[in-house]
Amino acid sequence: MAEEIKTTCLHDKHVALGALMTPFAGFDMPIQYKDIVTEHNAVRNAVGVFDVSHMGEVEVSGPEAEKFVNRIFTNDIAGAEVGKVFYGMMLYPDGGTVDDLLVYKMGENDLFLVINAANIDKDVAWINEQAAAFDVKVDNQSDYYAQIAVQGPVAEAQMLKSLGIDASDLTFYTFKKMQLDGETIIVSRTGYTGEDGFEVYASHDTIIKMWDKLMADGVQPCGLGCRDTLRFEAGLPLYGDELTAEISPVMATLSMFCKFDKEGGFIGMEACAKQKAEGSAKKLVGLVMKDKAIPRHGYEVLDGDKVVGYVTTGYRGISVDKSIAFALVDREVGALGNELSIRIRKKVFPATVVKKRFYQPNYKK
C-alpha cells in the first residue's frame, strides 16, 4: 500500500493561493506560487515567507542530555550559552551521514534538535538507539510544532510589523523563547537562503494566524523551488543531494562543522579523521558551465572521456546568471580552476571547478 501523503497545517492556505503542490519528503508541499524567479528575487531583495512545518523537532532532556547530544553530533555544544544554535551532522560509525541538523541550546541539559522532514522516522529511531546508554529523555515533538521561515533583507522589520515580534536582539545562529498570546514560541535567526532571516516554531493554530497576517501585509509566499535555488547559490548543502549515508562531511567539504578535538569525540569521528588525514576518495566541488546548458542532479561529470563523478545539484543561477552545479567528483580532479565537462543528454559541455559559494550571503552577524 502506498504511504499516505501528510499535509502541514498551512496546506489549505497554499491550495487557496493556487500553489503548485507536489509530494516532498512525505508531505504535499508548495513548489511555487507565482514562479520560482519572482519568489527567489523577493527573498534576495525584500522578504518572503516559507512554510517549513514539515521539518522535524526532537527535544532531548535529562541529566546527560548535553553529553549525549555532543556524542551523536559532529559540532561541539559543551558549555555553550543558552540561546545558541549549532549546525552539524549525525553520522554512522563509517562516517556516512545520518542527517544534517540544527541543535538549539534551550537549557543546561535541554537540547532542541531540528531535523530534515524526509529523515524524521529514521533519525528518531537512530537517536533512541544511541540514547539507551545515557540518562536522557527523547521526545519527538514533530507533530506539535509548525514552522515558518521569514527570509530576506527586510525580514526583521517585517517580523515586527506583521507579527509584533521584535527580533532585533538576535544575532546569527541565536534564538529566544517568547510568550505570545499565552503560548511559548521559539524564534531563531539562522536561515537557509543566504539572506538574513528568522524561523518561528509554534503550535499549528499560531502559525496559521501568523501566515494570515503576513499574507494580509503582502509578503510573498515562497515554495520549495526557490528555497532550493537560494540555498544552492549560497553554497548550502541539502540532505539527499550533498550529504547522504554514503557522503561524509569530509567528502562534502564540511569538516569545519566536525570538532575532532572535542572531549568524548563523536560517532563516526575515527572514519572522518582518517578521510581528512589521507584525503577522501570523493570531493564535493562547485562547477561553472561555459555554456547556457543547465546541469541537473545525476548528470555525469567527465575528465576527458573518463567519468569522474556526478552532479548533486544544478541550476541556471537566478542571482548569478550562470549555469552552475555542485558535483561529487574524484578528489584528484577537484582542484580549483580544473577544467572538466558535464554530459547533458547526448552532448558534453565544458565546466570549470570553482568555490561552492556562488553568491555572497548577507547574514546579520
Protein backbone atom coordinates (compact mmCIF):
# COMPACT_ATOMS: atom_id res chain seq x y z
CA MET A 1 0.00 0.00 0.00
CA ALA A 2 1.31 3.45 -0.86
CA GLU A 3 2.19 5.54 2.19
CA GLU A 4 -0.31 8.29 2.88
CA ILE A 5 0.97 11.75 2.00
CA LYS A 6 0.95 14.08 5.01
CA THR A 7 -0.01 17.75 4.99
CA THR A 8 1.12 20.73 7.05
CA CYS A 9 -1.33 22.97 8.92
CA LEU A 10 -0.96 25.54 6.11
CA HIS A 11 -1.88 23.13 3.31
CA ASP A 12 -5.32 24.66 2.65
CA LYS A 13 -3.74 28.13 2.55
CA HIS A 14 -1.32 27.03 -0.18
CA VAL A 15 -4.10 25.46 -2.24
CA ALA A 16 -6.25 28.59 -1.89
CA LEU A 17 -3.31 30.68 -3.17
CA GLY A 18 -3.08 28.45 -6.25
CA ALA A 19 0.29 26.97 -5.34
CA LEU A 20 1.76 24.20 -7.46
CA MET A 21 1.74 21.29 -4.98
CA THR A 22 3.86 18.16 -5.11
CA PRO A 23 4.92 15.37 -2.74
CA PHE A 24 8.17 16.16 -0.93
CA ALA A 25 9.62 14.17 1.99
CA GLY A 26 6.27 12.50 2.57
CA PHE A 27 4.33 15.81 2.61
CA ASP A 28 2.21 17.58 -0.01
CA MET A 29 4.21 20.80 -0.30
CA PRO A 30 4.11 24.01 -2.38
CA ILE A 31 6.83 24.18 -5.04
CA GLN A 32 5.86 27.65 -6.26
CA TYR A 33 3.03 30.20 -6.14
CA LYS A 34 3.80 32.75 -8.90
CA ASP A 35 7.06 31.41 -10.26
CA ILE A 36 10.44 30.45 -8.85
CA VAL A 37 12.26 33.55 -10.18
CA THR A 38 9.77 36.01 -8.60
CA GLU A 39 9.91 34.20 -5.26
CA HIS A 40 13.71 33.85 -5.32
CA ASN A 41 14.11 37.59 -6.03
CA ALA A 42 11.62 38.54 -3.31
CA VAL A 43 13.88 36.86 -0.75
CA ARG A 44 17.09 38.31 -2.22
CA ASN A 45 15.70 41.87 -2.44
CA ALA A 46 12.97 42.24 0.20
CA VAL A 47 11.20 39.44 2.09
CA GLY A 48 9.45 36.11 1.54
CA VAL A 49 7.86 33.52 3.80
CA PHE A 50 8.18 29.72 3.63
CA ASP A 51 6.08 27.01 5.21
CA VAL A 52 8.67 24.68 6.74
CA SER A 53 6.28 22.87 9.08
CA HIS A 54 7.33 19.57 7.53
CA MET A 55 10.67 19.75 9.38
CA GLY A 56 11.12 17.56 12.44
CA GLU A 57 11.73 18.66 16.03
CA VAL A 58 13.11 16.45 18.79
CA GLU A 59 13.76 17.52 22.39
CA VAL A 60 16.48 15.74 24.34
CA SER A 61 16.50 16.40 28.09
CA GLY A 62 17.76 14.83 31.29
CA PRO A 63 20.97 14.73 33.39
CA GLU A 64 23.15 13.54 30.47
CA ALA A 65 21.42 15.39 27.62
CA GLU A 66 24.36 17.62 26.71
CA LYS A 67 26.88 14.76 26.98
CA PHE A 68 24.64 12.55 24.82
CA VAL A 69 23.91 15.11 22.08
CA ASN A 70 27.59 16.03 21.93
CA ARG A 71 28.34 12.34 21.30
CA ILE A 72 25.92 11.98 18.36
CA PHE A 73 26.60 15.45 16.89
CA THR A 74 29.75 16.48 14.99
CA ASN A 75 29.87 20.06 16.30
CA ASP A 76 30.71 20.89 19.93
CA ILE A 77 27.95 22.19 22.21
CA ALA A 78 29.75 21.57 25.51
CA GLY A 79 29.45 24.56 27.83
CA ALA A 80 27.68 26.70 25.22
CA GLU A 81 25.43 29.54 26.32
CA VAL A 82 21.69 29.05 26.38
CA GLY A 83 20.28 30.73 23.25
CA LYS A 84 22.94 29.47 20.84
CA VAL A 85 22.19 27.40 17.72
CA PHE A 86 24.70 24.96 16.19
CA TYR A 87 24.84 23.35 12.75
CA GLY A 88 26.36 19.90 12.26
CA MET A 89 25.65 16.27 11.39
CA MET A 90 24.81 12.94 12.96
CA LEU A 91 26.99 10.21 11.47
CA TYR A 92 27.12 6.46 11.15
CA PRO A 93 30.31 4.80 12.50
CA ASP A 94 31.70 4.64 8.92
CA GLY A 95 31.42 8.45 8.60
CA GLY A 96 28.35 8.41 6.35
CA THR A 97 25.69 10.98 7.24
CA VAL A 98 22.51 10.08 9.13
CA ASP A 99 21.32 13.69 8.76
CA ASP A 100 22.44 17.30 8.99
CA LEU A 101 20.61 19.27 11.66
CA LEU A 102 20.44 22.26 13.97
CA VAL A 103 20.86 21.95 17.75
CA TYR A 104 19.29 24.66 19.92
CA LYS A 105 20.70 25.06 23.45
CA MET A 106 17.43 25.53 25.39
CA GLY A 107 18.86 24.91 28.86
CA GLU A 108 21.79 23.29 30.66
CA ASN A 109 20.50 19.80 29.82
CA ASP A 110 17.74 20.65 27.39
CA LEU A 111 18.50 20.47 23.65
CA PHE A 112 16.12 21.04 20.74
CA LEU A 113 17.10 19.24 17.54
CA VAL A 114 15.69 20.34 14.16
CA ILE A 115 15.95 17.55 11.58
CA ASN A 116 15.05 17.07 7.93
CA ALA A 117 11.47 16.08 7.10
CA ALA A 118 12.40 13.05 4.99
CA ASN A 119 14.51 11.66 7.86
CA ILE A 120 12.21 12.11 10.88
CA ASP A 121 11.41 8.42 11.48
CA LYS A 122 14.95 7.27 10.66
CA ASP A 123 16.56 9.97 12.83
CA VAL A 124 14.30 9.42 15.84
CA ALA A 125 14.99 5.66 15.68
CA TRP A 126 18.74 6.35 15.43
CA ILE A 127 18.67 8.85 18.33
CA ASN A 128 16.66 6.46 20.52
CA GLU A 129 19.06 3.62 19.73
CA GLN A 130 22.10 5.68 20.78
CA ALA A 131 20.25 7.09 23.83
CA ALA A 132 19.88 3.69 25.51
CA ALA A 133 23.28 4.08 27.22
CA PHE A 134 22.55 7.60 28.56
CA ASP A 135 20.27 9.09 31.23
CA VAL A 136 18.15 11.14 28.81
CA LYS A 137 14.56 11.54 27.62
CA VAL A 138 13.96 11.77 23.86
CA ASP A 139 10.68 13.49 22.92
CA ASN A 140 9.69 13.64 19.23
CA GLN A 141 7.70 16.91 19.02
CA SER A 142 7.40 16.98 15.22
CA ASP A 143 3.60 16.68 15.28
CA TYR A 144 3.21 19.58 17.73
CA TYR A 145 5.37 22.21 16.06
CA ALA A 146 4.61 24.06 12.86
CA GLN A 147 7.25 26.42 11.47
CA ILE A 148 7.54 29.39 9.14
CA ALA A 149 10.74 30.98 7.83
CA VAL A 150 10.63 34.74 7.14
CA GLN A 151 13.65 35.47 4.94
CA GLY A 152 15.20 38.48 3.23
CA PRO A 153 16.88 41.86 3.87
CA VAL A 154 13.72 43.39 5.39
CA ALA A 155 12.73 40.27 7.39
CA GLU A 156 13.48 41.92 10.75
CA ALA A 157 11.21 44.89 10.04
CA GLN A 158 8.50 42.59 8.62
CA MET A 159 8.53 40.39 11.73
CA LEU A 160 7.87 43.44 13.90
CA LYS A 161 5.26 44.97 11.60
CA SER A 162 3.21 41.88 10.81
CA LEU A 163 3.73 39.63 13.83
CA GLY A 164 4.65 42.06 16.61
CA ILE A 165 7.88 40.11 17.16
CA ASP A 166 10.96 42.22 17.92
CA ALA A 167 13.86 40.01 16.89
CA SER A 168 16.45 42.80 16.61
CA ASP A 169 18.29 41.42 19.66
CA LEU A 170 19.05 38.13 17.90
CA THR A 171 22.40 37.67 16.16
CA PHE A 172 23.20 34.99 13.56
CA TYR A 173 22.66 31.47 14.95
CA THR A 174 20.93 32.54 18.14
CA PHE A 175 17.32 32.14 19.31
CA LYS A 176 14.94 33.10 22.10
CA LYS A 177 11.78 31.71 23.64
CA MET A 178 8.90 34.19 23.84
CA GLN A 179 5.38 34.35 25.17
CA LEU A 180 2.80 35.16 22.51
CA ASP A 181 -0.92 35.03 23.30
CA GLY A 182 -0.25 32.75 26.27
CA GLU A 183 1.90 30.34 24.25
CA THR A 184 5.67 29.79 24.37
CA ILE A 185 7.14 30.12 20.88
CA ILE A 186 10.72 29.81 19.60
CA VAL A 187 12.22 32.49 17.32
CA SER A 188 15.65 31.97 15.75
CA ARG A 189 17.91 33.72 13.25
CA THR A 190 19.59 31.05 11.15
CA GLY A 191 18.20 30.99 7.59
CA TYR A 192 18.83 28.68 4.68
CA THR A 193 18.75 31.20 1.85
CA GLY A 194 21.97 33.23 2.07
CA GLU A 195 19.95 36.20 3.35
CA ASP A 196 19.06 37.47 6.81
CA GLY A 197 16.01 35.71 8.17
CA PHE A 198 14.07 34.17 11.01
CA GLU A 199 12.30 30.94 11.91
CA VAL A 200 9.26 30.75 14.17
CA TYR A 201 8.30 27.47 15.84
CA ALA A 202 4.83 27.41 17.38
CA SER A 203 1.58 25.47 17.54
CA HIS A 204 -0.42 24.89 14.36
CA ASP A 205 -3.07 27.48 15.28
CA THR A 206 -0.49 30.17 16.00
CA ILE A 207 1.44 29.53 12.76
CA ILE A 208 -1.82 29.74 10.74
CA LYS A 209 -2.59 33.14 12.33
CA MET A 210 0.95 34.36 11.59
CA TRP A 211 0.74 33.21 7.97
CA ASP A 212 -2.56 35.07 7.53
CA LYS A 213 -1.06 38.27 8.95
CA LEU A 214 1.94 38.05 6.62
CA MET A 215 -0.34 37.42 3.62
CA ALA A 216 -2.55 40.38 4.62
CA ASP A 217 0.57 42.57 4.64
CA GLY A 218 1.51 41.45 1.12
CA VAL A 219 4.53 39.29 1.98
CA GLN A 220 5.45 36.97 -0.92
CA PRO A 221 4.74 33.31 -0.13
CA CYS A 222 7.65 31.16 -1.33
CA GLY A 223 7.75 27.49 -2.28
CA LEU A 224 10.38 24.80 -2.03
CA GLY A 225 11.51 25.57 -5.59
CA CYS A 226 13.17 28.86 -4.71
CA ARG A 227 14.24 27.53 -1.30
CA ASP A 228 16.45 25.16 -3.29
CA THR A 229 17.82 27.80 -5.69
CA LEU A 230 18.53 30.18 -2.80
CA ARG A 231 20.36 27.68 -0.56
CA PHE A 232 22.30 26.31 -3.54
CA GLU A 233 23.61 29.71 -4.70
CA ALA A 234 24.74 30.40 -1.12
CA GLY A 235 26.72 27.14 -1.07
CA LEU A 236 24.49 25.32 1.44
CA PRO A 237 24.01 21.53 1.27
CA LEU A 238 20.77 19.56 1.03
CA TYR A 239 20.50 16.14 2.63
CA GLY A 240 19.90 13.53 -0.05
CA ASP A 241 21.99 15.50 -2.56
CA GLU A 242 25.23 16.79 -0.99
CA LEU A 243 25.06 14.64 2.17
CA THR A 244 23.88 11.02 2.27
CA ALA A 245 24.62 7.75 4.08
CA GLU A 246 27.42 7.38 1.50
CA ILE A 247 28.68 11.00 1.62
CA SER A 248 30.56 12.09 4.74
CA PRO A 249 31.04 15.70 5.90
CA VAL A 250 34.69 15.41 4.82
CA MET A 251 33.68 14.48 1.26
CA ALA A 252 31.11 17.31 1.32
CA THR A 253 33.90 19.72 2.44
CA LEU A 254 32.06 20.42 5.70
CA SER A 255 34.88 19.39 8.06
CA MET A 256 34.66 22.78 9.77
CA PHE A 257 31.50 21.50 11.47
CA CYS A 258 33.32 18.41 12.78
CA LYS A 259 35.14 19.11 16.06
CA PHE A 260 37.76 16.36 16.08
CA ASP A 261 39.34 17.57 19.33
CA LYS A 262 36.20 17.69 21.49
CA GLU A 263 36.04 15.67 24.70
CA GLY A 264 34.45 12.25 24.13
CA GLY A 265 34.58 12.62 20.34
CA PHE A 266 31.54 11.82 18.18
CA ILE A 267 30.17 8.76 16.44
CA GLY A 268 31.90 8.47 13.06
CA MET A 269 34.86 10.61 14.13
CA GLU A 270 37.55 7.97 13.52
CA ALA A 271 36.37 7.36 9.96
CA CYS A 272 36.18 11.09 9.19
CA ALA A 273 39.58 11.78 10.77
CA LYS A 274 41.09 9.07 8.55
CA GLN A 275 39.46 10.57 5.43
CA LYS A 276 40.71 14.03 6.41
CA ALA A 277 44.26 12.79 7.01
CA GLU A 278 44.53 10.59 3.92
CA GLY A 279 42.20 12.52 1.59
CA SER A 280 38.75 11.15 0.85
CA ALA A 281 38.25 9.36 -2.48
CA LYS A 282 35.50 11.84 -3.47
CA LYS A 283 35.12 15.58 -3.00
CA LEU A 284 32.21 17.99 -3.47
CA VAL A 285 33.07 20.91 -5.76
CA GLY A 286 31.39 23.85 -7.43
CA LEU A 287 31.25 23.94 -11.24
CA VAL A 288 30.50 26.86 -13.57
CA MET A 289 29.44 25.99 -17.13
CA LYS A 290 30.92 27.88 -20.06
CA ASP A 291 27.59 27.47 -21.84
CA LYS A 292 23.95 28.19 -21.00
CA ALA A 293 23.17 24.44 -20.87
CA ILE A 294 21.73 23.54 -17.46
CA PRO A 295 23.24 20.67 -15.44
CA ARG A 296 20.84 18.57 -13.32
CA HIS A 297 21.11 16.12 -10.43
CA GLY A 298 22.64 12.83 -11.55
CA TYR A 299 24.31 14.08 -14.74
CA GLU A 300 27.78 12.62 -15.34
CA VAL A 301 30.94 14.71 -14.81
CA LEU A 302 33.88 13.84 -17.08
CA ASP A 303 37.61 14.44 -17.18
CA GLY A 304 38.33 13.90 -20.86
CA ASP A 305 36.49 10.68 -21.69
CA LYS A 306 36.55 9.34 -18.14
CA VAL A 307 33.51 9.63 -15.84
CA VAL A 308 34.84 11.13 -12.58
CA GLY A 309 31.64 11.96 -10.72
CA TYR A 310 28.09 13.27 -10.93
CA VAL A 311 26.11 16.46 -10.37
CA THR A 312 24.37 16.63 -6.96
CA THR A 313 22.53 19.94 -7.60
CA GLY A 314 22.41 22.05 -10.77
CA TYR A 315 20.53 25.17 -11.96
CA ARG A 316 20.71 28.25 -14.09
CA GLY A 317 21.62 30.59 -11.21
CA ILE A 318 18.96 33.27 -10.75
CA SER A 319 21.06 35.81 -8.81
CA VAL A 320 24.34 34.98 -10.57
CA ASP A 321 23.03 34.39 -14.13
CA LYS A 322 25.31 31.42 -14.85
CA SER A 323 24.73 27.69 -15.25
CA ILE A 324 26.19 26.23 -12.05
CA ALA A 325 26.40 22.94 -10.19
CA PHE A 326 27.63 21.09 -7.15
CA ALA A 327 29.28 17.80 -8.13
CA LEU A 328 30.80 14.90 -6.23
CA VAL A 329 33.99 14.06 -8.12
CA ASP A 330 37.20 12.08 -7.72
CA ARG A 331 39.42 14.07 -5.36
CA GLU A 332 42.35 14.26 -7.80
CA VAL A 333 40.31 16.25 -10.34
CA GLY A 334 38.69 18.58 -7.77
CA ALA A 335 41.29 21.37 -7.63
CA LEU A 336 40.05 24.95 -8.15
CA GLY A 337 40.41 26.02 -11.79
CA ASN A 338 40.47 22.47 -13.13
CA GLU A 339 38.66 22.01 -16.45
CA LEU A 340 36.02 19.24 -16.51
CA SER A 341 32.85 18.66 -18.52
CA ILE A 342 29.25 17.60 -17.89
CA ARG A 343 27.22 15.26 -20.06
CA ILE A 344 23.80 16.85 -20.68
CA ARG A 345 21.66 14.41 -22.64
CA LYS A 346 23.85 13.35 -25.60
CA LYS A 347 26.21 16.34 -25.62
CA VAL A 348 29.20 17.21 -23.44
CA PHE A 349 29.67 20.78 -22.16
CA PRO A 350 32.83 22.28 -20.58
CA ALA A 351 32.86 23.43 -16.94
CA THR A 352 35.42 24.89 -14.52
CA VAL A 353 35.89 23.91 -10.85
CA VAL A 354 35.14 26.91 -8.61
CA LYS A 355 34.31 27.56 -4.95
CA LYS A 356 30.94 26.15 -3.89
CA ARG A 357 29.63 29.52 -2.74
CA PHE A 358 28.35 31.12 -5.93
CA TYR A 359 26.59 34.00 -4.14
CA GLN A 360 27.94 36.01 -1.20
CA PRO A 361 25.49 35.62 1.74
CA ASN A 362 24.17 38.65 3.60
CA TYR A 363 23.76 37.45 7.19
CA LYS A 364 23.48 39.74 10.21
CA LYS A 365 26.43 38.61 12.30
